[in-house]
Protein backbone atom coordinates (compact mmCIF):
# COMPACT_ATOMS: atom_id res chain seq x y z
CA UNK A 1 0.84 12.06 -1.45
CA UNK A 2 3.38 13.99 -3.50
CA UNK A 3 5.17 14.00 -6.84
CA UNK A 4 8.75 12.97 -7.51
CA UNK A 5 10.67 14.51 -10.39
CA UNK A 6 12.33 11.88 -12.60
CA UNK A 7 14.26 13.95 -15.13
CA UNK A 8 11.21 16.07 -15.87
CA UNK A 9 8.61 13.30 -15.52
CA UNK A 10 6.36 13.68 -12.49
CA UNK A 11 5.71 10.47 -10.58
CA UNK A 12 2.82 10.21 -8.12
CA UNK A 13 4.02 8.93 -4.72
CA UNK A 14 2.19 7.75 -1.59
CA UNK A 15 3.76 6.98 1.79
CA UNK A 16 2.32 5.07 4.75
CA UNK A 17 3.85 4.13 8.11
CA UNK A 18 7.18 4.63 9.80
CA UNK A 19 10.36 2.62 10.04
CA UNK A 20 12.79 1.19 7.53
CA UNK A 21 11.61 2.00 3.98
CA UNK A 22 10.11 -0.44 1.49
CA UNK A 23 9.48 0.70 -2.09
CA UNK A 24 6.80 -1.21 -4.02
CA UNK A 25 6.98 -1.26 -7.84
CA UNK A 26 3.82 -2.28 -9.70
CA UNK A 27 3.26 -4.46 -12.77
CA UNK A 28 2.03 -3.52 -16.25
CA UNK A 29 -1.65 -4.38 -15.71
CA UNK A 30 -1.78 -2.83 -12.24
CA UNK A 31 -0.82 0.43 -10.57
CA UNK A 32 0.16 1.65 -7.11
CA UNK A 33 -3.27 0.70 -5.75
CA UNK A 34 -2.63 -3.03 -6.19
CA UNK A 35 -0.15 -2.95 -3.30
CA UNK A 36 -2.85 -2.03 -0.79
CA UNK A 37 -2.83 -5.38 1.02
CA UNK A 38 0.95 -5.21 1.36
CA UNK A 39 0.90 -1.58 2.52
CA UNK A 40 -1.69 -2.33 5.21
CA UNK A 41 0.44 -5.20 6.48
CA UNK A 42 3.97 -3.81 6.25
CA UNK A 43 3.17 -0.25 7.31
CA UNK A 44 2.73 -1.52 10.87
CA UNK A 45 6.52 -1.66 11.13
CA UNK A 46 7.93 -0.16 7.93
CA UNK A 47 7.70 3.04 5.91
CA UNK A 48 5.87 1.92 2.76
CA UNK A 49 6.36 3.89 -0.44
CA UNK A 50 4.24 3.22 -3.53
CA UNK A 51 4.19 5.14 -6.78
CA UNK A 52 2.50 5.16 -10.17
CA UNK A 53 5.00 4.47 -12.94
CA UNK A 54 5.46 6.87 -15.83
CA UNK A 55 2.57 6.36 -18.23
CA UNK A 56 0.14 5.65 -15.38
CA UNK A 57 -2.02 8.48 -14.09
CA UNK A 58 -1.86 10.41 -11.83
CA UNK A 59 1.83 10.31 -12.85
CA UNK A 60 2.80 11.98 -16.12
CA UNK A 61 2.14 10.20 -19.40
CA UNK A 62 5.02 11.22 -21.70
CA UNK A 63 4.25 10.98 -25.40
CA UNK A 64 7.81 10.33 -26.60
CA UNK A 65 8.65 6.70 -27.36
CA UNK A 66 12.13 7.05 -25.86
CA UNK A 67 10.63 8.02 -22.49
CA UNK A 68 9.64 4.36 -22.01
CA UNK A 69 13.07 2.75 -22.30
CA UNK A 70 13.48 0.02 -19.69
CA UNK A 71 16.31 1.87 -17.92
CA UNK A 72 14.00 4.78 -17.10
CA UNK A 73 11.76 2.50 -15.05
CA UNK A 74 14.72 1.36 -12.96
CA UNK A 75 16.05 4.89 -12.54
CA UNK A 76 12.57 6.10 -11.56
CA UNK A 77 12.82 3.97 -8.40
CA UNK A 78 15.96 5.92 -7.48
CA UNK A 79 14.17 9.20 -8.24
CA UNK A 80 11.30 8.26 -5.95
CA UNK A 81 13.72 7.35 -3.18
CA UNK A 82 15.65 10.60 -3.52
CA UNK A 83 12.37 12.50 -3.44
CA UNK A 84 11.41 10.70 -0.23
CA UNK A 85 14.83 11.36 1.32
CA UNK A 86 15.65 7.66 1.37
CA UNK A 87 19.25 6.59 0.84
CA UNK A 88 18.64 2.84 0.98
CA UNK A 89 15.55 0.62 0.97
CA UNK A 90 14.09 -2.82 0.45
CA UNK A 91 12.50 -2.89 -3.03
CA UNK A 92 9.59 -5.15 -3.98
CA UNK A 93 8.48 -5.51 -7.59
CA UNK A 94 5.94 -7.55 -9.51
CA UNK A 95 6.27 -8.49 -13.20
CA UNK A 96 7.47 -5.39 -15.10
CA UNK A 97 8.02 -3.88 -11.66
CA UNK A 98 10.19 -6.89 -10.79
CA UNK A 99 12.22 -6.39 -13.96
CA UNK A 100 12.68 -2.73 -12.97
CA UNK A 101 13.62 -3.86 -9.46
CA UNK A 102 16.34 -6.17 -10.76
CA UNK A 103 17.66 -3.47 -13.11
CA UNK A 104 17.62 -1.06 -10.16
CA UNK A 105 19.79 -3.55 -8.27
CA UNK A 106 22.27 -3.59 -11.14
CA UNK A 107 22.23 0.16 -11.82
CA UNK A 108 21.94 1.47 -8.23
CA UNK A 109 23.26 -1.32 -5.97
CA UNK A 110 24.24 1.09 -3.20
CA UNK A 111 20.56 2.06 -2.77
CA UNK A 112 19.16 -1.46 -2.34
CA UNK A 113 19.30 -3.46 0.90
CA UNK A 114 17.07 -6.26 -0.40
CA UNK A 115 15.21 -7.09 -3.61
CA UNK A 116 12.00 -9.05 -4.14
CA UNK A 117 11.29 -10.02 -7.77
CA UNK A 118 7.85 -11.64 -8.14
CA UNK A 119 6.33 -12.91 -11.36
CA UNK A 120 9.40 -11.88 -13.32
CA UNK A 121 10.70 -12.89 -16.73
CA UNK A 122 7.88 -12.80 -19.30
CA UNK A 123 9.43 -12.80 -22.76
CA UNK A 124 12.90 -13.73 -21.53
CA UNK A 125 13.00 -17.35 -22.67
CA UNK A 126 14.77 -17.41 -26.04
CA UNK A 127 12.24 -19.62 -27.77
CA UNK A 128 9.39 -17.32 -26.70
CA UNK A 129 10.91 -13.93 -27.45
CA UNK A 130 9.82 -13.47 -31.06
CA UNK A 131 6.20 -14.32 -30.29
CA UNK A 132 6.29 -12.21 -27.13
CA UNK A 133 7.50 -9.14 -29.02
CA UNK A 134 4.84 -9.60 -31.71
CA UNK A 135 2.17 -9.85 -29.04
CA UNK A 136 3.46 -6.69 -27.33
CA UNK A 137 3.30 -4.74 -30.59
CA UNK A 138 -0.21 -5.99 -31.35
CA UNK A 139 -1.42 -5.20 -27.83
CA UNK A 140 0.13 -1.75 -28.04
CA UNK A 141 -1.96 -1.01 -31.14
CA UNK A 142 -5.09 -2.36 -29.47
CA UNK A 143 -4.69 0.00 -26.52
CA UNK A 144 -4.62 2.95 -28.92
CA UNK A 145 -7.57 1.84 -31.06
CA UNK A 146 -9.76 0.09 -28.49
CA UNK A 147 -8.84 1.71 -25.17
CA UNK A 148 -7.90 0.22 -21.80
CA UNK A 149 -11.49 -0.55 -20.77
CA UNK A 150 -12.01 -2.77 -23.82
CA UNK A 151 -8.90 -4.83 -23.03
CA UNK A 152 -9.33 -5.04 -19.27
CA UNK A 153 -11.87 -7.88 -19.16
CA UNK A 154 -9.93 -9.90 -21.73
CA UNK A 155 -6.61 -9.47 -19.92
CA UNK A 156 -8.30 -10.38 -16.65
CA UNK A 157 -9.01 -13.92 -17.87
CA UNK A 158 -5.63 -14.56 -19.49
CA UNK A 159 -4.06 -17.96 -18.63
CA UNK A 160 -2.03 -16.56 -15.73
CA UNK A 161 -4.77 -14.13 -14.56
CA UNK A 162 -7.86 -16.30 -14.27
CA UNK A 163 -6.54 -17.72 -10.99
CA UNK A 164 -7.35 -14.42 -9.27
CA UNK A 165 -10.93 -14.55 -10.59
CA UNK A 166 -11.36 -18.08 -9.25
CA UNK A 167 -9.88 -17.29 -5.83
CA UNK A 168 -11.13 -13.76 -5.18
CA UNK A 169 -13.90 -12.54 -7.52
CA UNK A 170 -14.24 -9.21 -5.74
CA UNK A 171 -10.49 -8.62 -5.81
CA UNK A 172 -10.45 -9.58 -9.49
CA UNK A 173 -13.23 -7.10 -10.27
CA UNK A 174 -11.31 -4.32 -8.52
CA UNK A 175 -8.18 -5.26 -10.47
CA UNK A 176 -10.09 -5.10 -13.78
CA UNK A 177 -11.70 -1.78 -12.86
CA UNK A 178 -8.31 -0.27 -12.09
CA UNK A 179 -6.86 -1.62 -15.34
CA UNK A 180 -9.77 -0.15 -17.31
CA UNK A 181 -8.91 3.29 -15.90
CA UNK A 182 -5.34 3.29 -17.20
CA UNK A 183 -4.19 5.73 -19.85
CA UNK A 184 -4.49 4.09 -23.26
CA UNK A 185 -1.56 6.16 -24.48
CA UNK A 186 0.63 5.27 -21.51
CA UNK A 187 -0.27 1.59 -21.71
CA UNK A 188 0.41 1.50 -25.44
CA UNK A 189 3.80 3.17 -25.16
CA UNK A 190 4.79 1.06 -22.16
CA UNK A 191 3.78 -2.15 -23.91
CA UNK A 192 5.61 -1.31 -27.14
CA UNK A 193 8.82 0.09 -25.68
CA UNK A 194 9.36 -1.28 -22.17
CA UNK A 195 7.66 -4.64 -22.47
CA UNK A 196 8.41 -5.37 -26.11
CA UNK A 197 11.94 -4.01 -26.43
CA UNK A 198 13.58 -4.72 -23.09
CA UNK A 199 16.44 -7.24 -23.14
CA UNK A 200 15.95 -10.78 -21.93
CA UNK A 201 16.91 -11.40 -18.31
CA UNK A 202 19.36 -13.98 -19.66
CA UNK A 203 21.32 -11.15 -21.30
CA UNK A 204 22.34 -10.01 -17.81
CA UNK A 205 23.67 -13.35 -16.59
CA UNK A 206 27.18 -12.04 -15.97
CA UNK A 207 25.94 -9.00 -14.06
CA UNK A 208 23.51 -11.09 -11.99
CA UNK A 209 26.29 -13.53 -11.11
CA UNK A 210 28.24 -10.63 -9.61
CA UNK A 211 25.30 -9.12 -7.72
CA UNK A 212 25.49 -9.40 -3.93
CA UNK A 213 22.19 -7.80 -2.87
CA UNK A 214 19.98 -10.25 -0.95
CA UNK A 215 17.24 -11.29 -3.39
CA UNK A 216 14.01 -13.23 -3.09
CA UNK A 217 12.48 -14.55 -6.31
CA UNK A 218 8.76 -15.39 -6.06
CA UNK A 219 6.62 -17.13 -8.67
CA UNK A 220 3.33 -18.98 -8.96
CA UNK A 221 3.46 -22.50 -10.40
CA UNK A 222 0.82 -21.57 -12.99
CA UNK A 223 2.69 -18.46 -14.14
CA UNK A 224 4.11 -20.45 -17.05
CA UNK A 225 6.23 -17.78 -18.76
CA UNK A 226 7.97 -16.81 -15.51
CA UNK A 227 8.87 -20.19 -14.02
CA UNK A 228 11.97 -20.87 -16.10
CA UNK A 229 13.35 -17.31 -15.75
CA UNK A 230 12.76 -17.51 -11.98
CA UNK A 231 14.82 -20.70 -11.77
CA UNK A 232 17.50 -18.98 -13.87
CA UNK A 233 17.60 -16.06 -11.42
CA UNK A 234 17.90 -18.45 -8.47
CA UNK A 235 20.78 -20.31 -10.10
CA UNK A 236 22.58 -17.17 -11.27
CA UNK A 237 22.31 -14.64 -8.43
CA UNK A 238 24.51 -16.01 -5.62
CA UNK A 239 22.35 -14.38 -2.92
CA UNK A 240 18.98 -15.44 -4.37
CA UNK A 241 16.30 -17.61 -2.83
CA UNK A 242 13.31 -18.97 -4.75
CA UNK A 243 9.75 -19.36 -3.44
CA UNK A 244 7.14 -21.12 -5.60
CA UNK A 245 3.47 -20.95 -4.60
CA UNK A 246 1.22 -23.81 -5.77
CA UNK A 247 -1.95 -23.22 -7.83
CA UNK A 248 -1.07 -19.58 -8.36
CA UNK A 249 -0.75 -17.36 -11.42
CA UNK A 250 0.90 -14.03 -12.16
CA UNK A 251 -0.52 -11.58 -9.61
CA UNK A 252 0.69 -13.54 -6.61
CA UNK A 253 0.47 -10.57 -4.22
CA UNK A 254 -3.26 -10.28 -5.00
CA UNK A 255 -4.03 -13.99 -5.22
CA UNK A 256 -2.24 -15.05 -2.05
CA UNK A 257 -1.62 -11.88 -0.02
CA UNK A 258 -1.16 -13.65 3.32
CA UNK A 259 1.42 -16.07 1.89
CA UNK A 260 3.18 -13.34 -0.07
CA UNK A 261 3.38 -11.04 2.96
CA UNK A 262 4.63 -13.85 5.20
CA UNK A 263 7.40 -14.94 2.83
CA UNK A 264 8.54 -11.39 2.15
CA UNK A 265 8.49 -10.57 5.87
CA UNK A 266 10.57 -13.65 6.71
CA UNK A 267 13.02 -12.70 3.96
CA UNK A 268 13.33 -9.13 5.26
CA UNK A 269 13.80 -10.41 8.80
CA UNK A 270 16.64 -12.68 7.70
CA UNK A 271 18.28 -9.83 5.81
CA UNK A 272 17.96 -7.50 8.78
CA UNK A 273 19.44 -10.13 11.11
CA UNK A 274 22.35 -10.61 8.75
CA UNK A 275 21.56 -14.29 8.18
CA UNK A 276 20.70 -14.14 4.46
CA UNK A 277 24.05 -14.80 2.85
CA UNK A 278 25.46 -16.20 -0.36
CA UNK A 279 24.70 -19.71 -1.46
CA UNK A 280 27.17 -22.26 -0.14
CA UNK A 281 29.27 -23.41 -3.15
CA UNK A 282 28.91 -26.97 -1.89
CA UNK A 283 25.18 -26.74 -2.65
CA UNK A 284 25.84 -26.26 -6.36
CA UNK A 285 25.70 -29.48 -8.34
CA UNK A 286 28.70 -30.02 -10.61
CA UNK A 287 31.16 -27.55 -9.17
CA UNK A 288 32.20 -25.12 -6.49
CA UNK A 289 31.28 -21.90 -8.28
CA UNK A 290 28.16 -19.72 -8.25
CA UNK A 291 26.38 -21.52 -11.09
């Protein structure tokens, strides 16, 4: 374990295994510990790097609102890689970590050999944005006044979270316990500024259409707010593939770890063999372009 310096913010980093590097980027309701099943699997042949995002102990919890701008979370991935002496890596993100992963691909394309964006796109659909931003602001206030422990149980049975409880009660309990330990200040500031103020994924359509990094988009079919954005990413990124897991909610890496690991491993293998290319224009209905 060590600490990376991201423009003055210390980020807690753990490394396991040897081989080509994979960086795992966690979601809002989780932290670096929720990648344990992936680290145990992939560290047999890869160098696995996990870290706690800014606002999540044992990383620093900045108190300035501007420290939680969405670009910082993408640039923090680069800071962690530089700290680890890694020039290029596969990057795997879930939810807000997937958003950061995609932004990392746009902002630091030379550092990414492959991207996995799982459970990505909450709040991106135009018709849902106003309500999403209101919810983020309200939740931000609740973290300050009620604390993370008070919200953990409630968040654990949200419509796209209850699937984990039904499939793996012990895993769900561990997830809730970890969430209850989060910094209320960090969670509040992250929710208000990163979650609530980040642009919609649809705002980056032109940039995504020009992106050439091999990308795997993963979503559960009961992760309602992320299904449409996931299809958008598949249709827009010319090197994207889409995997949808039945009867699965938001935390797909926790709900279906064996499936998630298998699909990501097969994706990485195709990338490393050089067989994961651009979509054939002939496969696009209504034209010969990328859309």
